[in-house]
Amino acid sequence: MTDIDTQFLRSLFDEEGSLHTAGRTALYRLHGLEGLLYVGISTCPLTRIRTHLQQQSWGPRVIGIQIDYPHDAHAAEREAVHTERPLYNVVFNGQAPPPPPDRAARLRAELAAQQRRLEQLQAAVPQSTAHLRLILRGITAAQTKIAKLTRDAEEADAAQGPSGRRPGRAEP
């Protein structure tokens, strides 16, 4: 290996031996003989993968690693877990489709879920004063969360502009 190759390889890693990501979030897939084992995201993918290999019961079964840097790693992770069905992912691996990738739609979906929860709490009949206090605490928390989600969704909608694109961003 030449000095140029060595310098290039060293430039890919930081002092701790993790890939330089320049603040980007990586989407990684861990494969085994039986197929896709796990999908995750991290700003330090090698460190996170090393943790999986050392601490997870399925870690020794990993035979392949794939690392990508999608534009929206969070949305890519949800989609990958939902469509590719890795064996050991718990989050997003249910029967319901993943939340929509854009922030405003995710906030509106969470807002609707919180509103349904509030309606359920308000309809509950307390069995004792302790139950009543818990229900009232839940109602207050749900109302606070709904107010925040409403503001955040409105801000996200405003930031995207009337056409659904962010202002000042050229279309590809």
Protein backbone atom coordinates (compact mmCIF):
# COMPACT_ATOMS: atom_id res chain seq x y z
CA MET A 1 0.00 0.00 0.00
CA THR A 2 1.36 3.44 -0.91
CA ASP A 3 1.65 6.40 1.43
CA ILE A 4 -1.18 8.10 -0.48
CA ASP A 5 -3.45 5.08 0.13
CA THR A 6 -2.54 5.04 3.81
CA GLN A 7 -3.18 8.77 4.18
CA PHE A 8 -6.54 8.41 2.44
CA LEU A 9 -7.61 5.53 4.67
CA ARG A 10 -6.52 7.38 7.82
CA SER A 11 -8.48 10.46 6.72
CA LEU A 12 -11.68 8.41 6.70
CA PHE A 13 -11.52 7.81 10.46
CA ASP A 14 -11.40 10.03 13.53
CA GLU A 15 -9.15 9.54 16.58
CA GLU A 16 -11.56 7.01 18.09
CA GLY A 17 -11.59 4.86 14.97
CA SER A 18 -15.05 5.86 13.84
CA LEU A 19 -15.90 7.00 10.32
CA HIS A 20 -15.86 10.76 9.74
CA THR A 21 -19.46 11.60 8.95
CA ALA A 22 -19.29 15.41 8.90
CA GLY A 23 -22.40 15.48 11.08
CA ARG A 24 -24.39 13.28 8.70
CA THR A 25 -26.43 10.36 9.99
CA ALA A 26 -25.61 6.96 8.54
CA LEU A 27 -28.13 4.22 7.82
CA TYR A 28 -26.57 0.82 8.44
CA ARG A 29 -27.74 -2.72 7.77
CA LEU A 30 -26.33 -5.80 9.49
CA HIS A 31 -26.69 -9.04 7.53
CA GLY A 32 -26.40 -12.67 8.63
CA LEU A 33 -26.70 -16.02 6.88
CA GLU A 34 -30.46 -15.95 7.52
CA GLY A 35 -30.87 -12.51 5.91
CA LEU A 36 -31.16 -8.98 7.22
CA LEU A 37 -30.64 -8.96 10.99
CA TYR A 38 -30.85 -5.27 11.92
CA VAL A 39 -31.25 -1.77 10.47
CA GLY A 40 -30.20 1.32 12.42
CA ILE A 41 -28.97 4.88 12.18
CA SER A 42 -26.04 6.62 13.86
CA THR A 43 -23.66 9.53 13.42
CA CYS A 44 -20.88 7.11 14.51
CA PRO A 45 -21.86 3.96 12.61
CA LEU A 46 -18.74 1.88 13.28
CA THR A 47 -18.90 2.55 17.01
CA ARG A 48 -22.60 1.68 17.08
CA ILE A 49 -22.08 -1.46 15.00
CA ARG A 50 -19.24 -2.56 17.29
CA THR A 51 -21.64 -2.17 20.24
CA HIS A 52 -24.22 -4.39 18.51
CA LEU A 53 -21.57 -7.00 17.73
CA GLN A 54 -20.38 -7.08 21.33
CA GLN A 55 -23.64 -6.70 23.27
CA GLN A 56 -26.44 -8.27 21.24
CA SER A 57 -27.10 -12.01 21.36
CA TRP A 58 -27.29 -12.00 17.56
CA GLY A 59 -24.03 -9.98 17.15
CA PRO A 60 -21.80 -12.99 16.39
CA ARG A 61 -24.11 -13.95 13.51
CA VAL A 62 -23.33 -10.73 11.56
CA ILE A 63 -21.41 -11.53 8.38
CA GLY A 64 -22.02 -8.38 6.36
CA ILE A 65 -22.37 -4.65 6.98
CA GLN A 66 -23.80 -2.01 4.63
CA ILE A 67 -23.52 1.71 5.41
CA ASP A 68 -25.34 4.42 3.44
CA TYR A 69 -25.85 8.15 3.96
CA PRO A 70 -29.39 8.98 2.80
CA HIS A 71 -30.70 12.54 2.81
CA ASP A 72 -33.21 11.77 5.58
CA ALA A 73 -31.77 8.88 7.58
CA HIS A 74 -34.70 8.78 10.03
CA ALA A 75 -37.25 8.31 7.25
CA ALA A 76 -34.97 5.85 5.44
CA GLU A 77 -34.64 3.77 8.62
CA ARG A 78 -38.41 3.62 9.14
CA GLU A 79 -38.98 2.65 5.53
CA ALA A 80 -36.19 0.05 5.52
CA VAL A 81 -37.40 -1.62 8.71
CA HIS A 82 -41.01 -1.64 7.53
CA THR A 83 -40.30 -2.98 4.03
CA GLU A 84 -37.21 -5.18 4.59
CA ARG A 85 -38.40 -6.68 7.93
CA PRO A 86 -35.05 -7.22 9.71
CA LEU A 87 -35.20 -10.02 12.26
CA TYR A 88 -34.13 -8.06 15.34
CA ASN A 89 -35.59 -4.57 14.94
CA VAL A 90 -38.39 -3.85 17.38
CA VAL A 91 -39.26 -0.21 16.62
CA PHE A 92 -41.13 0.37 13.31
CA ASN A 93 -41.41 -3.39 12.75
CA GLY A 94 -45.15 -3.58 13.44
CA GLN A 95 -48.08 -4.08 11.11
CA ALA A 96 -48.81 -0.37 10.74
CA PRO A 97 -46.99 1.50 7.98
CA PRO A 98 -44.16 3.79 9.02
CA PRO A 99 -44.92 7.46 9.63
CA PRO A 100 -44.67 9.69 6.57
CA PRO A 101 -41.16 10.96 5.82
CA ASP A 102 -41.86 14.71 5.90
CA ARG A 103 -41.82 16.44 9.29
CA ALA A 104 -45.18 18.21 8.97
CA ALA A 105 -47.01 14.97 8.12
CA ARG A 106 -45.29 13.12 10.99
CA LEU A 107 -46.34 15.86 13.40
CA ARG A 108 -49.93 15.78 12.13
CA ALA A 109 -50.02 11.97 12.56
CA GLU A 110 -48.69 12.27 16.12
CA LEU A 111 -51.16 15.09 16.79
CA ALA A 112 -54.07 12.89 15.69
CA ALA A 113 -52.83 10.04 17.93
CA GLN A 114 -52.53 12.40 20.90
CA GLN A 115 -56.03 13.78 20.27
CA ARG A 116 -57.44 10.22 20.26
CA ARG A 117 -55.60 9.52 23.53
CA LEU A 118 -57.02 12.70 25.06
CA GLU A 119 -60.56 11.69 24.06
CA GLN A 120 -60.04 8.27 25.68
CA LEU A 121 -58.74 9.84 28.88
CA GLN A 122 -61.58 12.32 29.04
CA ALA A 123 -64.11 9.51 28.58
CA ALA A 124 -62.63 7.40 31.39
CA VAL A 125 -64.67 7.15 34.58
CA PRO A 126 -62.50 7.37 37.72
CA GLN A 127 -62.74 4.48 40.16
CA SER A 128 -61.16 6.41 43.04
CA THR A 129 -59.56 9.75 43.83
CA ALA A 130 -56.15 8.26 42.95
CA HIS A 131 -57.51 7.22 39.55
CA LEU A 132 -59.01 10.67 39.10
CA ARG A 133 -55.65 12.34 39.82
CA LEU A 134 -53.90 10.05 37.31
CA ILE A 135 -56.55 10.74 34.66
CA LEU A 136 -56.36 14.50 35.25
CA ARG A 137 -52.57 14.36 35.05
CA GLY A 138 -52.87 12.43 31.77
CA ILE A 139 -55.38 14.93 30.38
CA THR A 140 -53.13 17.88 31.27
CA ALA A 141 -50.10 16.17 29.72
CA ALA A 142 -52.07 15.33 26.55
CA GLN A 143 -53.37 18.90 26.24
CA THR A 144 -49.84 20.28 26.61
CA LYS A 145 -48.50 17.81 24.02
CA ILE A 146 -51.32 18.65 21.57
CA ALA A 147 -50.65 22.39 21.90
CA LYS A 148 -46.94 21.85 21.22
CA LEU A 149 -47.56 19.49 18.27
CA THR A 150 -50.04 21.95 16.79
CA ARG A 151 -47.46 24.76 16.96
CA ASP A 152 -44.70 22.53 15.57
CA ALA A 153 -46.90 21.29 12.69
CA GLU A 154 -47.89 24.86 11.78
CA GLU A 155 -44.23 25.93 11.85
CA ALA A 156 -43.24 22.94 9.70
CA ASP A 157 -46.02 23.71 7.20
CA ALA A 158 -44.95 27.36 7.08
CA ALA A 159 -41.30 26.40 6.58
CA GLN A 160 -42.22 24.20 3.61
CA GLY A 161 -44.07 27.02 1.91
CA PRO A 162 -47.30 26.80 -0.07
CA SER A 163 -45.99 24.28 -2.63
CA GLY A 164 -44.69 21.83 0.00
CA ARG A 165 -41.05 22.71 -0.68
CA ARG A 166 -38.77 24.56 1.63
CA PRO A 167 -38.25 28.16 0.58
CA GLY A 168 -34.95 28.90 -1.10
CA ARG A 169 -34.29 25.28 -2.13
CA ALA A 170 -33.94 24.44 -5.76
CA GLU A 171 -35.86 21.47 -7.02
CA PRO A 172 -33.67 18.60 -8.29
